[in-house]
Amino acid sequence: MSERKKILILGNGFDLAHFLPTKYEHFITAMCAVEKSPPSEPLSFDNIFHELLADEDFFLSKTKEMYKTEEVKIPVEDLNILKEKLSSNGWFQYFKDYLDSGIDTWIDFENEIKVVLDVICSVLEKNSDKNEIIDVKNYGGYLNIIATEFFEEFNANKNHYINVLLKLGILRSI
């Protein structure tokens, strides 16, 4: 009999206690700032967290007080590479719409990932039961009809499933 190994992950708040902007909200806000940034200017700490500085003034002010945040700059070359990667990153495209949705902590974020993976698994399971694959490249203008027929069995969840797959870039609308 093989021994099962366990991993214990403990979050102790060390990063937040030291005023490091590592919350889920900080991450998504930073990536949104990258996505919206002008293509010819480096991005500074203040530009990255501009939206949160007013809302979370104490935390980020303390961060600025304790660390040399004025030295934080994302160079234009790196910024443009990051922007390109974000534009094709289905997970970011999905989660950026959830910034004000009640996903406040990393565990909320992880729970939402589970919801998304459940949708994907349900679709793949249904797809494998019918031994068919929706290949969006082959259906041309008929994708909407085929996708609607494929998702009919999901009943009330049909639109939710389609929207999740569209946001992740797994399903494309033509």
C-alpha atoms as a PDB file:
ATOM      1  CA  MET A   1       0.000   0.000   0.000  1.00  0.00           C
ATOM      2  CA  SER A   2       1.430   3.381  -0.978  1.00  0.00           C
ATOM      3  CA  GLU A   3       1.731   6.138   1.550  1.00  0.00           C
ATOM      4  CA  ARG A   4      -0.322   9.272   0.859  1.00  0.00           C
ATOM      5  CA  LYS A   5       1.570  12.459   1.402  1.00  0.00           C
ATOM      6  CA  LYS A   6      -0.155  15.568   2.655  1.00  0.00           C
ATOM      7  CA  ILE A   7       0.755  19.171   2.185  1.00  0.00           C
ATOM      8  CA  LEU A   8      -0.273  21.706   4.772  1.00  0.00           C
ATOM      9  CA  ILE A   9      -0.542  25.249   3.491  1.00  0.00           C
ATOM     10  CA  LEU A  10      -0.701  27.856   6.197  1.00  0.00           C
ATOM     11  CA  GLY A  11      -1.415  31.508   5.539  1.00  0.00           C
ATOM     12  CA  ASN A  12      -0.243  33.560   8.448  1.00  0.00           C
ATOM     13  CA  GLY A  13      -0.693  37.071   7.105  1.00  0.00           C
ATOM     14  CA  PHE A  14       3.035  37.791   7.311  1.00  0.00           C
ATOM     15  CA  ASP A  15       2.966  39.621   3.966  1.00  0.00           C
ATOM     16  CA  LEU A  16       0.003  41.829   4.882  1.00  0.00           C
ATOM     17  CA  ALA A  17       1.373  42.487   8.368  1.00  0.00           C
ATOM     18  CA  HIS A  18       4.403  43.945   6.596  1.00  0.00           C
ATOM     19  CA  PHE A  19       2.239  46.049   4.279  1.00  0.00           C
ATOM     20  CA  LEU A  20       3.077  44.163   1.115  1.00  0.00           C
ATOM     21  CA  PRO A  21       0.278  44.581  -1.465  1.00  0.00           C
ATOM     22  CA  THR A  22      -0.364  40.866  -1.991  1.00  0.00           C
ATOM     23  CA  LYS A  23      -4.146  40.639  -1.674  1.00  0.00           C
ATOM     24  CA  TYR A  24      -6.187  39.277  -4.556  1.00  0.00           C
ATOM     25  CA  GLU A  25      -7.580  42.801  -5.065  1.00  0.00           C
ATOM     26  CA  HIS A  26      -4.040  44.210  -5.313  1.00  0.00           C
ATOM     27  CA  PHE A  27      -3.096  41.648  -7.953  1.00  0.00           C
ATOM     28  CA  ILE A  28      -6.156  42.204 -10.159  1.00  0.00           C
ATOM     29  CA  THR A  29      -5.906  45.985  -9.747  1.00  0.00           C
ATOM     30  CA  ALA A  30      -2.238  45.875 -10.782  1.00  0.00           C
ATOM     31  CA  MET A  31      -2.983  43.729 -13.840  1.00  0.00           C
ATOM     32  CA  CYS A  32      -5.877  46.030 -14.846  1.00  0.00           C
ATOM     33  CA  ALA A  33      -3.511  49.013 -14.550  1.00  0.00           C
ATOM     34  CA  VAL A  34      -1.041  47.205 -16.822  1.00  0.00           C
ATOM     35  CA  GLU A  35      -3.794  46.427 -19.328  1.00  0.00           C
ATOM     36  CA  LYS A  36      -5.016  50.057 -19.408  1.00  0.00           C
ATOM     37  CA  SER A  37      -1.594  51.725 -19.357  1.00  0.00           C
ATOM     38  CA  PRO A  38      -0.359  53.843 -22.274  1.00  0.00           C
ATOM     39  CA  PRO A  39       2.039  51.870 -24.502  1.00  0.00           C
ATOM     40  CA  SER A  40       4.866  54.433 -24.340  1.00  0.00           C
ATOM     41  CA  GLU A  41       5.229  55.217 -20.615  1.00  0.00           C
ATOM     42  CA  PRO A  42       6.680  53.080 -17.806  1.00  0.00           C
ATOM     43  CA  LEU A  43       4.253  52.204 -15.033  1.00  0.00           C
ATOM     44  CA  SER A  44       5.044  53.371 -11.492  1.00  0.00           C
ATOM     45  CA  PHE A  45       3.763  52.117  -8.134  1.00  0.00           C
ATOM     46  CA  ASP A  46       1.414  55.109  -7.861  1.00  0.00           C
ATOM     47  CA  ASN A  47       0.040  54.432 -11.359  1.00  0.00           C
ATOM     48  CA  ILE A  48      -0.400  50.748 -10.631  1.00  0.00           C
ATOM     49  CA  PHE A  49      -2.368  51.345  -7.425  1.00  0.00           C
ATOM     50  CA  HIS A  50      -3.922  54.695  -8.323  1.00  0.00           C
ATOM     51  CA  GLU A  51      -7.502  53.414  -7.895  1.00  0.00           C
ATOM     52  CA  LEU A  52      -6.788  51.847  -4.504  1.00  0.00           C
ATOM     53  CA  LEU A  53      -4.746  54.684  -3.014  1.00  0.00           C
ATOM     54  CA  ALA A  54      -7.931  56.612  -2.192  1.00  0.00           C
ATOM     55  CA  ASP A  55      -9.895  53.565  -0.993  1.00  0.00           C
ATOM     56  CA  GLU A  56      -7.116  51.872   0.930  1.00  0.00           C
ATOM     57  CA  ASP A  57      -5.133  54.930   1.867  1.00  0.00           C
ATOM     58  CA  PHE A  58      -3.801  53.599   5.185  1.00  0.00           C
ATOM     59  CA  PHE A  59      -2.472  50.281   3.870  1.00  0.00           C
ATOM     60  CA  LEU A  60      -0.835  51.602   0.697  1.00  0.00           C
ATOM     61  CA  SER A  61       0.380  54.777   2.432  1.00  0.00           C
ATOM     62  CA  LYS A  62       2.101  52.556   4.973  1.00  0.00           C
ATOM     63  CA  THR A  63       3.528  50.493   2.099  1.00  0.00           C
ATOM     64  CA  LYS A  64       4.917  53.678   0.543  1.00  0.00           C
ATOM     65  CA  GLU A  65       6.310  54.781   3.898  1.00  0.00           C
ATOM     66  CA  MET A  66       8.093  51.489   4.583  1.00  0.00           C
ATOM     67  CA  TYR A  67       9.433  50.670   1.108  1.00  0.00           C
ATOM     68  CA  LYS A  68      11.094  52.510  -1.747  1.00  0.00           C
ATOM     69  CA  THR A  69       7.993  52.411  -3.930  1.00  0.00           C
ATOM     70  CA  GLU A  70       9.215  55.403  -5.942  1.00  0.00           C
ATOM     71  CA  GLU A  71      11.783  53.024  -7.432  1.00  0.00           C
ATOM     72  CA  VAL A  72       9.078  50.620  -8.642  1.00  0.00           C
ATOM     73  CA  LYS A  73       8.713  51.087 -12.375  1.00  0.00           C
ATOM     74  CA  ILE A  74       7.726  48.595 -15.039  1.00  0.00           C
ATOM     75  CA  PRO A  75       9.732  49.494 -18.165  1.00  0.00           C
ATOM     76  CA  VAL A  76       7.834  50.053 -21.424  1.00  0.00           C
ATOM     77  CA  GLU A  77       9.267  46.918 -23.062  1.00  0.00           C
ATOM     78  CA  ASP A  78       8.181  44.702 -20.163  1.00  0.00           C
ATOM     79  CA  LEU A  79       4.848  46.485 -19.929  1.00  0.00           C
ATOM     80  CA  ASN A  80       4.020  45.801 -23.573  1.00  0.00           C
ATOM     81  CA  ILE A  81       4.969  42.122 -23.221  1.00  0.00           C
ATOM     82  CA  LEU A  82       2.788  41.865 -20.120  1.00  0.00           C
ATOM     83  CA  LYS A  83      -0.120  43.601 -21.892  1.00  0.00           C
ATOM     84  CA  GLU A  84       0.091  41.157 -24.776  1.00  0.00           C
ATOM     85  CA  LYS A  85       0.097  38.191 -22.404  1.00  0.00           C
ATOM     86  CA  LEU A  86      -2.840  39.581 -20.425  1.00  0.00           C
ATOM     87  CA  SER A  87      -4.920  40.083 -23.565  1.00  0.00           C
ATOM     88  CA  SER A  88      -4.753  36.363 -24.334  1.00  0.00           C
ATOM     89  CA  ASN A  89      -4.924  35.118 -20.744  1.00  0.00           C
ATOM     90  CA  GLY A  90      -8.401  33.647 -20.297  1.00  0.00           C
ATOM     91  CA  TRP A  91      -8.131  33.524 -16.519  1.00  0.00           C
ATOM     92  CA  PHE A  92      -7.294  37.230 -16.267  1.00  0.00           C
ATOM     93  CA  GLN A  93     -10.013  38.134 -18.768  1.00  0.00           C
ATOM     94  CA  TYR A  94     -12.469  36.147 -16.655  1.00  0.00           C
ATOM     95  CA  PHE A  95     -11.441  37.486 -13.247  1.00  0.00           C
ATOM     96  CA  LYS A  96     -10.962  41.151 -14.081  1.00  0.00           C
ATOM     97  CA  ASP A  97     -14.758  41.452 -14.252  1.00  0.00           C
ATOM     98  CA  TYR A  98     -15.017  40.105 -10.716  1.00  0.00           C
ATOM     99  CA  LEU A  99     -12.994  42.816  -8.970  1.00  0.00           C
ATOM    100  CA  ASP A 100     -16.076  44.296  -7.285  1.00  0.00           C
ATOM    101  CA  SER A 101     -18.008  41.054  -6.967  1.00  0.00           C
ATOM    102  CA  GLY A 102     -17.228  39.979  -3.424  1.00  0.00           C
ATOM    103  CA  ILE A 103     -14.057  38.063  -4.218  1.00  0.00           C
ATOM    104  CA  ASP A 104     -12.016  39.657  -1.462  1.00  0.00           C
ATOM    105  CA  THR A 105      -9.482  37.047  -0.474  1.00  0.00           C
ATOM    106  CA  TRP A 106      -7.363  34.420  -2.152  1.00  0.00           C
ATOM    107  CA  ILE A 107      -9.690  31.683  -0.844  1.00  0.00           C
ATOM    108  CA  ASP A 108     -12.653  33.401  -2.566  1.00  0.00           C
ATOM    109  CA  PHE A 109     -10.545  33.535  -5.716  1.00  0.00           C
ATOM    110  CA  GLU A 110      -9.670  29.843  -5.401  1.00  0.00           C
ATOM    111  CA  ASN A 111     -13.323  28.948  -4.814  1.00  0.00           C
ATOM    112  CA  GLU A 112     -14.282  30.799  -8.003  1.00  0.00           C
ATOM    113  CA  ILE A 113     -11.580  28.858  -9.880  1.00  0.00           C
ATOM    114  CA  LYS A 114     -13.287  25.681  -8.651  1.00  0.00           C
ATOM    115  CA  VAL A 115     -16.641  26.931  -9.992  1.00  0.00           C
ATOM    116  CA  VAL A 116     -15.032  27.623 -13.385  1.00  0.00           C
ATOM    117  CA  LEU A 117     -13.307  24.228 -13.464  1.00  0.00           C
ATOM    118  CA  ASP A 118     -16.608  22.551 -12.572  1.00  0.00           C
ATOM    119  CA  VAL A 119     -18.206  24.256 -15.597  1.00  0.00           C
ATOM    120  CA  ILE A 120     -15.369  23.106 -17.866  1.00  0.00           C
ATOM    121  CA  CYS A 121     -15.534  19.533 -16.520  1.00  0.00           C
ATOM    122  CA  SER A 122     -19.314  19.413 -16.972  1.00  0.00           C
ATOM    123  CA  VAL A 123     -19.001  20.566 -20.576  1.00  0.00           C
ATOM    124  CA  LEU A 124     -16.195  18.124 -21.327  1.00  0.00           C
ATOM    125  CA  GLU A 125     -18.114  15.275 -19.696  1.00  0.00           C
ATOM    126  CA  LYS A 126     -21.243  16.058 -21.725  1.00  0.00           C
ATOM    127  CA  ASN A 127     -19.137  16.420 -24.846  1.00  0.00           C
ATOM    128  CA  SER A 128     -17.426  13.058 -24.315  1.00  0.00           C
ATOM    129  CA  ASP A 129     -20.786  11.345 -23.694  1.00  0.00           C
ATOM    130  CA  LYS A 130     -21.833  12.350 -27.186  1.00  0.00           C
ATOM    131  CA  ASN A 131     -18.414  11.590 -28.711  1.00  0.00           C
ATOM    132  CA  GLU A 132     -18.307  14.989 -30.352  1.00  0.00           C
ATOM    133  CA  ILE A 133     -16.146  18.027 -30.023  1.00  0.00           C
ATOM    134  CA  ILE A 134     -17.316  21.528 -30.744  1.00  0.00           C
ATOM    135  CA  ASP A 135     -14.649  22.768 -33.126  1.00  0.00           C
ATOM    136  CA  VAL A 136     -15.370  26.460 -33.566  1.00  0.00           C
ATOM    137  CA  LYS A 137     -13.072  26.705 -36.600  1.00  0.00           C
ATOM    138  CA  ASN A 138     -15.157  24.256 -38.608  1.00  0.00           C
ATOM    139  CA  TYR A 139     -18.598  25.670 -37.951  1.00  0.00           C
ATOM    140  CA  GLY A 140     -18.125  29.199 -39.258  1.00  0.00           C
ATOM    141  CA  GLY A 141     -21.286  31.263 -38.953  1.00  0.00           C
ATOM    142  CA  TYR A 142     -23.286  28.368 -37.495  1.00  0.00           C
ATOM    143  CA  LEU A 143     -21.440  28.349 -34.165  1.00  0.00           C
ATOM    144  CA  ASN A 144     -24.211  30.112 -32.264  1.00  0.00           C
ATOM    145  CA  ILE A 145     -26.811  27.574 -33.384  1.00  0.00           C
ATOM    146  CA  ILE A 146     -24.570  24.594 -32.640  1.00  0.00           C
ATOM    147  CA  ALA A 147     -23.448  25.995 -29.265  1.00  0.00           C
ATOM    148  CA  THR A 148     -27.066  26.689 -28.310  1.00  0.00           C
ATOM    149  CA  GLU A 149     -28.083  23.130 -29.238  1.00  0.00           C
ATOM    150  CA  PHE A 150     -25.063  21.676 -27.405  1.00  0.00           C
ATOM    151  CA  PHE A 151     -25.811  23.616 -24.197  1.00  0.00           C
ATOM    152  CA  GLU A 152     -29.597  23.016 -24.165  1.00  0.00           C
ATOM    153  CA  GLU A 153     -29.208  20.130 -21.708  1.00  0.00           C
ATOM    154  CA  PHE A 154     -27.632  22.492 -19.169  1.00  0.00           C
ATOM    155  CA  ASN A 155     -31.081  24.134 -18.788  1.00  0.00           C
ATOM    156  CA  ALA A 156     -30.998  27.180 -16.484  1.00  0.00           C
ATOM    157  CA  ASN A 157     -27.192  27.143 -16.333  1.00  0.00           C
ATOM    158  CA  LYS A 158     -26.800  27.276 -20.127  1.00  0.00           C
ATOM    159  CA  ASN A 159     -26.023  31.014 -20.357  1.00  0.00           C
ATOM    160  CA  HIS A 160     -23.688  30.872 -17.369  1.00  0.00           C
ATOM    161  CA  TYR A 161     -21.740  27.982 -18.903  1.00  0.00           C
ATOM    162  CA  ILE A 162     -21.499  29.717 -22.285  1.00  0.00           C
ATOM    163  CA  ASN A 163     -20.365  32.993 -20.676  1.00  0.00           C
ATOM    164  CA  VAL A 164     -17.668  31.268 -18.602  1.00  0.00           C
ATOM    165  CA  LEU A 165     -16.289  29.482 -21.661  1.00  0.00           C
ATOM    166  CA  LEU A 166     -16.417  32.664 -23.763  1.00  0.00           C
ATOM    167  CA  LYS A 167     -14.559  34.698 -21.103  1.00  0.00           C
ATOM    168  CA  LEU A 168     -11.880  32.044 -20.776  1.00  0.00           C
ATOM    169  CA  GLY A 169     -11.432  31.942 -24.544  1.00  0.00           C
ATOM    170  CA  ILE A 170     -12.354  28.253 -24.689  1.00  0.00           C
ATOM    171  CA  LEU A 171     -15.421  29.001 -26.769  1.00  0.00           C
ATOM    172  CA  ARG A 172     -15.463  31.809 -29.278  1.00  0.00           C
ATOM    173  CA  SER A 173     -18.457  33.631 -30.696  1.00  0.00           C
ATOM    174  CA  ILE A 174     -18.399  34.348 -34.403  1.00  0.00           C
END
